[in-house]
Amino acid sequence: MTAAHIDTPKVDTPKVDTPKVEDGAAMWRIARDSVTLDLNSSYSYLLWCRDFAATSAVARRADGEPVGFITGYVRPESPQTLVVWQVAVDREHRGRGLAGTLLEDLAAKVADTHGVDRIETTITPENTASERLFTSYAERRGASVSREVLFDGELFPDGAHQPEVLYRIGPIAA
């Protein structure tokens, strides 16, 4: 008896790129479909692509369509700190390390262009995927991680919200 040949669909490896305003709608859709992220207005994703493109990244399929993104900004009061706002990957591209690739590429780019050596992000207690993403990044970079509640859930005016826990990562080794 011979083993049956199974054709597995070939999935292209997305390429990391700088977002363009035209990517805002796809980023909004990816965030909406993630179910985990707080969804911002579609307008905010367009602005993000315009005003914070240098501190954000998208992952594109071969046809140019975004399949993941990471948004961030350099914190004005702490210019050595990259604040990561959101990370999301399309369902069909999850489980392949794409979020980690986006984080690695963005952190390296912003370190080179802005001298950043620290990362901050907030994570809700039930978001274990984000906890793993950022703590494993810190381990790979030999950086410490501190955690503290930044915003209690009751501060949010739109109903029940988990607390947002601030993760501070750094200093980051090159």
C-alpha atoms as a PDB file:
ATOM      1  CA  MET A   1       0.000   0.000   0.000  1.00  0.00           C
ATOM      2  CA  THR A   2       1.301   3.436  -0.856  1.00  0.00           C
ATOM      3  CA  ALA A   3       0.547   6.649   0.920  1.00  0.00           C
ATOM      4  CA  ALA A   4      -1.871   8.928  -0.833  1.00  0.00           C
ATOM      5  CA  HIS A   5      -0.415  12.196  -2.008  1.00  0.00           C
ATOM      6  CA  ILE A   6      -2.103  15.113  -0.338  1.00  0.00           C
ATOM      7  CA  ASP A   7      -1.953  18.473  -2.024  1.00  0.00           C
ATOM      8  CA  THR A   8      -1.549  21.172   0.555  1.00  0.00           C
ATOM      9  CA  PRO A   9      -2.261  24.686  -0.581  1.00  0.00           C
ATOM     10  CA  LYS A  10       0.855  26.773  -0.845  1.00  0.00           C
ATOM     11  CA  VAL A  11       0.597  29.890   1.253  1.00  0.00           C
ATOM     12  CA  ASP A  12       2.948  32.651   0.277  1.00  0.00           C
ATOM     13  CA  THR A  13       5.092  34.184   2.979  1.00  0.00           C
ATOM     14  CA  PRO A  14       3.882  37.722   3.615  1.00  0.00           C
ATOM     15  CA  LYS A  15       6.395  40.546   3.330  1.00  0.00           C
ATOM     16  CA  VAL A  16       6.637  43.283   5.954  1.00  0.00           C
ATOM     17  CA  ASP A  17       6.165  46.788   4.580  1.00  0.00           C
ATOM     18  CA  THR A  18       5.308  50.343   5.617  1.00  0.00           C
ATOM     19  CA  PRO A  19       1.556  50.987   5.644  1.00  0.00           C
ATOM     20  CA  LYS A  20      -0.078  53.366   3.161  1.00  0.00           C
ATOM     21  CA  VAL A  21      -3.342  55.238   3.617  1.00  0.00           C
ATOM     22  CA  GLU A  22      -4.952  52.764   1.200  1.00  0.00           C
ATOM     23  CA  ASP A  23      -4.206  49.999   3.743  1.00  0.00           C
ATOM     24  CA  GLY A  24      -6.391  51.588   6.424  1.00  0.00           C
ATOM     25  CA  ALA A  25      -9.580  49.776   5.375  1.00  0.00           C
ATOM     26  CA  ALA A  26      -7.867  46.371   5.388  1.00  0.00           C
ATOM     27  CA  MET A  27      -6.312  47.093   8.786  1.00  0.00           C
ATOM     28  CA  TRP A  28      -9.744  48.035  10.155  1.00  0.00           C
ATOM     29  CA  ARG A  29     -11.188  44.765   8.778  1.00  0.00           C
ATOM     30  CA  ILE A  30      -8.348  42.679  10.255  1.00  0.00           C
ATOM     31  CA  ALA A  31      -8.831  44.376  13.648  1.00  0.00           C
ATOM     32  CA  ARG A  32     -12.613  43.849  13.476  1.00  0.00           C
ATOM     33  CA  ASP A  33     -12.252  40.188  12.550  1.00  0.00           C
ATOM     34  CA  SER A  34      -9.695  39.563  15.304  1.00  0.00           C
ATOM     35  CA  VAL A  35     -12.510  39.727  17.909  1.00  0.00           C
ATOM     36  CA  THR A  36      -9.788  40.333  20.540  1.00  0.00           C
ATOM     37  CA  LEU A  37      -8.873  43.935  19.786  1.00  0.00           C
ATOM     38  CA  ASP A  38     -10.842  47.013  20.687  1.00  0.00           C
ATOM     39  CA  LEU A  39     -12.035  48.199  17.294  1.00  0.00           C
ATOM     40  CA  ASN A  40     -11.252  51.820  16.536  1.00  0.00           C
ATOM     41  CA  SER A  41     -13.144  53.829  13.924  1.00  0.00           C
ATOM     42  CA  SER A  42     -12.237  53.187  10.298  1.00  0.00           C
ATOM     43  CA  TYR A  43     -11.174  56.830  10.146  1.00  0.00           C
ATOM     44  CA  SER A  44      -8.550  56.242  12.858  1.00  0.00           C
ATOM     45  CA  TYR A  45      -6.869  53.490  10.810  1.00  0.00           C
ATOM     46  CA  LEU A  46      -6.646  55.850   7.831  1.00  0.00           C
ATOM     47  CA  LEU A  47      -5.073  58.523  10.049  1.00  0.00           C
ATOM     48  CA  TRP A  48      -2.721  55.969  11.564  1.00  0.00           C
ATOM     49  CA  CYS A  49      -1.467  55.029   8.108  1.00  0.00           C
ATOM     50  CA  ARG A  50      -0.923  58.686   7.289  1.00  0.00           C
ATOM     51  CA  ASP A  51       0.558  60.002  10.534  1.00  0.00           C
ATOM     52  CA  PHE A  52       2.266  56.989  12.115  1.00  0.00           C
ATOM     53  CA  ALA A  53       3.354  54.926   9.102  1.00  0.00           C
ATOM     54  CA  ALA A  54       7.030  55.245  10.096  1.00  0.00           C
ATOM     55  CA  THR A  55       6.312  53.535  13.434  1.00  0.00           C
ATOM     56  CA  SER A  56       3.889  50.913  12.101  1.00  0.00           C
ATOM     57  CA  ALA A  57       4.059  48.000   9.677  1.00  0.00           C
ATOM     58  CA  VAL A  58       1.849  45.780   7.543  1.00  0.00           C
ATOM     59  CA  ALA A  59       2.402  42.251   6.297  1.00  0.00           C
ATOM     60  CA  ARG A  60       1.400  41.844   2.643  1.00  0.00           C
ATOM     61  CA  ARG A  61       0.554  38.856   0.510  1.00  0.00           C
ATOM     62  CA  ALA A  62       2.221  38.615  -2.879  1.00  0.00           C
ATOM     63  CA  ASP A  63      -0.724  40.514  -4.404  1.00  0.00           C
ATOM     64  CA  GLY A  64      -0.112  43.419  -2.008  1.00  0.00           C
ATOM     65  CA  GLU A  65      -3.168  42.844   0.204  1.00  0.00           C
ATOM     66  CA  PRO A  66      -2.464  43.346   3.938  1.00  0.00           C
ATOM     67  CA  VAL A  67      -2.866  40.203   6.065  1.00  0.00           C
ATOM     68  CA  GLY A  68      -1.504  41.606   9.304  1.00  0.00           C
ATOM     69  CA  PHE A  69      -0.377  44.806  10.919  1.00  0.00           C
ATOM     70  CA  ILE A  70       1.262  46.372  13.924  1.00  0.00           C
ATOM     71  CA  THR A  71       0.696  49.992  14.902  1.00  0.00           C
ATOM     72  CA  GLY A  72       2.866  52.042  17.179  1.00  0.00           C
ATOM     73  CA  TYR A  73       4.243  55.449  17.995  1.00  0.00           C
ATOM     74  CA  VAL A  74       7.232  56.927  19.784  1.00  0.00           C
ATOM     75  CA  ARG A  75       6.055  58.129  23.175  1.00  0.00           C
ATOM     76  CA  PRO A  76       6.452  61.938  23.325  1.00  0.00           C
ATOM     77  CA  GLU A  77       7.396  61.979  27.037  1.00  0.00           C
ATOM     78  CA  SER A  78       9.803  59.083  26.589  1.00  0.00           C
ATOM     79  CA  PRO A  79      11.408  59.287  23.114  1.00  0.00           C
ATOM     80  CA  GLN A  80      13.396  56.068  23.599  1.00  0.00           C
ATOM     81  CA  THR A  81      10.093  54.138  23.923  1.00  0.00           C
ATOM     82  CA  LEU A  82       7.990  52.604  21.151  1.00  0.00           C
ATOM     83  CA  VAL A  83       4.375  52.189  22.246  1.00  0.00           C
ATOM     84  CA  VAL A  84       2.752  49.305  20.387  1.00  0.00           C
ATOM     85  CA  TRP A  85      -0.938  50.072  19.975  1.00  0.00           C
ATOM     86  CA  GLN A  86      -2.309  47.032  18.133  1.00  0.00           C
ATOM     87  CA  VAL A  87      -1.076  43.813  16.537  1.00  0.00           C
ATOM     88  CA  ALA A  88      -3.415  41.701  14.407  1.00  0.00           C
ATOM     89  CA  VAL A  89      -3.102  38.935  11.836  1.00  0.00           C
ATOM     90  CA  ASP A  90      -5.772  37.563   9.486  1.00  0.00           C
ATOM     91  CA  ARG A  91      -7.142  34.226  10.649  1.00  0.00           C
ATOM     92  CA  GLU A  92      -5.700  32.283   7.701  1.00  0.00           C
ATOM     93  CA  HIS A  93      -2.193  33.531   8.481  1.00  0.00           C
ATOM     94  CA  ARG A  94      -2.197  32.952  12.247  1.00  0.00           C
ATOM     95  CA  GLY A  95      -0.017  30.370  13.945  1.00  0.00           C
ATOM     96  CA  ARG A  96       2.977  30.931  11.671  1.00  0.00           C
ATOM     97  CA  GLY A  97       4.864  33.539  13.662  1.00  0.00           C
ATOM     98  CA  LEU A  98       3.737  36.516  11.586  1.00  0.00           C
ATOM     99  CA  ALA A  99       2.903  38.668  14.629  1.00  0.00           C
ATOM    100  CA  GLY A 100       6.408  37.997  15.970  1.00  0.00           C
ATOM    101  CA  THR A 101       7.936  38.907  12.615  1.00  0.00           C
ATOM    102  CA  LEU A 102       5.968  42.168  12.549  1.00  0.00           C
ATOM    103  CA  LEU A 103       7.125  43.017  16.083  1.00  0.00           C
ATOM    104  CA  GLU A 104      10.774  42.136  15.382  1.00  0.00           C
ATOM    105  CA  ASP A 105      10.861  44.108  12.125  1.00  0.00           C
ATOM    106  CA  LEU A 106       9.111  47.162  13.537  1.00  0.00           C
ATOM    107  CA  ALA A 107      11.245  47.270  16.690  1.00  0.00           C
ATOM    108  CA  ALA A 108      14.447  47.026  14.627  1.00  0.00           C
ATOM    109  CA  LYS A 109      13.293  49.718  12.200  1.00  0.00           C
ATOM    110  CA  VAL A 110      12.273  52.156  14.945  1.00  0.00           C
ATOM    111  CA  ALA A 111      15.475  51.456  16.889  1.00  0.00           C
ATOM    112  CA  ASP A 112      17.478  52.414  13.793  1.00  0.00           C
ATOM    113  CA  THR A 113      15.457  55.498  12.888  1.00  0.00           C
ATOM    114  CA  HIS A 114      14.488  56.835  16.333  1.00  0.00           C
ATOM    115  CA  GLY A 115      17.001  55.323  18.772  1.00  0.00           C
ATOM    116  CA  VAL A 116      14.269  53.402  20.594  1.00  0.00           C
ATOM    117  CA  ASP A 117      15.461  50.775  23.076  1.00  0.00           C
ATOM    118  CA  ARG A 118      12.225  50.117  24.994  1.00  0.00           C
ATOM    119  CA  ILE A 119       8.722  48.946  24.156  1.00  0.00           C
ATOM    120  CA  GLU A 120       5.480  49.546  25.986  1.00  0.00           C
ATOM    121  CA  THR A 121       2.140  47.954  25.259  1.00  0.00           C
ATOM    122  CA  THR A 122      -1.042  47.220  27.151  1.00  0.00           C
ATOM    123  CA  ILE A 123      -2.616  43.792  27.328  1.00  0.00           C
ATOM    124  CA  THR A 124      -5.853  42.671  28.940  1.00  0.00           C
ATOM    125  CA  PRO A 125      -5.478  39.757  31.379  1.00  0.00           C
ATOM    126  CA  GLU A 126      -7.278  37.233  29.143  1.00  0.00           C
ATOM    127  CA  ASN A 127      -5.187  37.972  26.023  1.00  0.00           C
ATOM    128  CA  THR A 128      -2.687  35.136  26.394  1.00  0.00           C
ATOM    129  CA  ALA A 129      -1.574  35.334  22.748  1.00  0.00           C
ATOM    130  CA  SER A 130      -0.341  38.912  23.244  1.00  0.00           C
ATOM    131  CA  GLU A 131       1.252  38.021  26.570  1.00  0.00           C
ATOM    132  CA  ARG A 132       3.221  35.234  24.836  1.00  0.00           C
ATOM    133  CA  LEU A 133       4.137  37.493  21.895  1.00  0.00           C
ATOM    134  CA  PHE A 134       5.633  40.255  24.029  1.00  0.00           C
ATOM    135  CA  THR A 135       7.235  38.121  26.745  1.00  0.00           C
ATOM    136  CA  SER A 136       8.905  35.861  24.185  1.00  0.00           C
ATOM    137  CA  TYR A 137      10.147  38.947  22.324  1.00  0.00           C
ATOM    138  CA  ALA A 138      11.656  40.239  25.586  1.00  0.00           C
ATOM    139  CA  GLU A 139      13.319  36.872  26.249  1.00  0.00           C
ATOM    140  CA  ARG A 140      14.849  36.776  22.747  1.00  0.00           C
ATOM    141  CA  ARG A 141      16.204  40.300  23.267  1.00  0.00           C
ATOM    142  CA  GLY A 142      17.475  39.746  26.806  1.00  0.00           C
ATOM    143  CA  ALA A 143      15.161  42.449  28.129  1.00  0.00           C
ATOM    144  CA  SER A 144      13.272  42.626  31.384  1.00  0.00           C
ATOM    145  CA  VAL A 145       9.485  42.929  31.520  1.00  0.00           C
ATOM    146  CA  SER A 146       7.588  44.837  34.174  1.00  0.00           C
ATOM    147  CA  ARG A 147       3.812  44.843  34.480  1.00  0.00           C
ATOM    148  CA  GLU A 148       1.359  47.168  36.202  1.00  0.00           C
ATOM    149  CA  VAL A 149      -2.266  48.106  35.658  1.00  0.00           C
ATOM    150  CA  LEU A 150      -2.354  51.258  33.550  1.00  0.00           C
ATOM    151  CA  PHE A 151      -6.134  51.657  33.232  1.00  0.00           C
ATOM    152  CA  ASP A 152      -8.645  49.959  35.517  1.00  0.00           C
ATOM    153  CA  GLY A 153     -11.673  48.546  33.727  1.00  0.00           C
ATOM    154  CA  GLU A 154     -14.077  51.004  35.354  1.00  0.00           C
ATOM    155  CA  LEU A 155     -12.321  53.936  33.680  1.00  0.00           C
ATOM    156  CA  PHE A 156     -13.755  52.900  30.310  1.00  0.00           C
ATOM    157  CA  PRO A 157     -17.070  54.641  29.589  1.00  0.00           C
ATOM    158  CA  ASP A 158     -18.388  52.059  27.114  1.00  0.00           C
ATOM    159  CA  GLY A 159     -19.346  49.272  29.505  1.00  0.00           C
ATOM    160  CA  ALA A 160     -17.522  46.306  30.941  1.00  0.00           C
ATOM    161  CA  HIS A 161     -13.850  46.378  30.038  1.00  0.00           C
ATOM    162  CA  GLN A 162     -10.974  44.407  31.453  1.00  0.00           C
ATOM    163  CA  PRO A 163      -8.090  46.347  32.945  1.00  0.00           C
ATOM    164  CA  GLU A 164      -5.299  47.284  30.564  1.00  0.00           C
ATOM    165  CA  VAL A 165      -2.003  46.026  31.973  1.00  0.00           C
ATOM    166  CA  LEU A 166       1.051  48.020  30.918  1.00  0.00           C
ATOM    167  CA  TYR A 167       4.004  45.878  29.836  1.00  0.00           C
ATOM    168  CA  ARG A 168       7.342  47.698  29.854  1.00  0.00           C
ATOM    169  CA  ILE A 169      10.086  45.882  27.961  1.00  0.00           C
ATOM    170  CA  GLY A 170      13.671  47.012  28.005  1.00  0.00           C
ATOM    171  CA  PRO A 171      16.318  47.868  27.600  1.00  0.00           C
ATOM    172  CA  ILE A 172      16.390  45.867  24.394  1.00  0.00           C
ATOM    173  CA  ALA A 173      19.691  44.368  23.283  1.00  0.00           C
ATOM    174  CA  ALA A 174      20.461  44.697  19.590  1.00  0.00           C
END
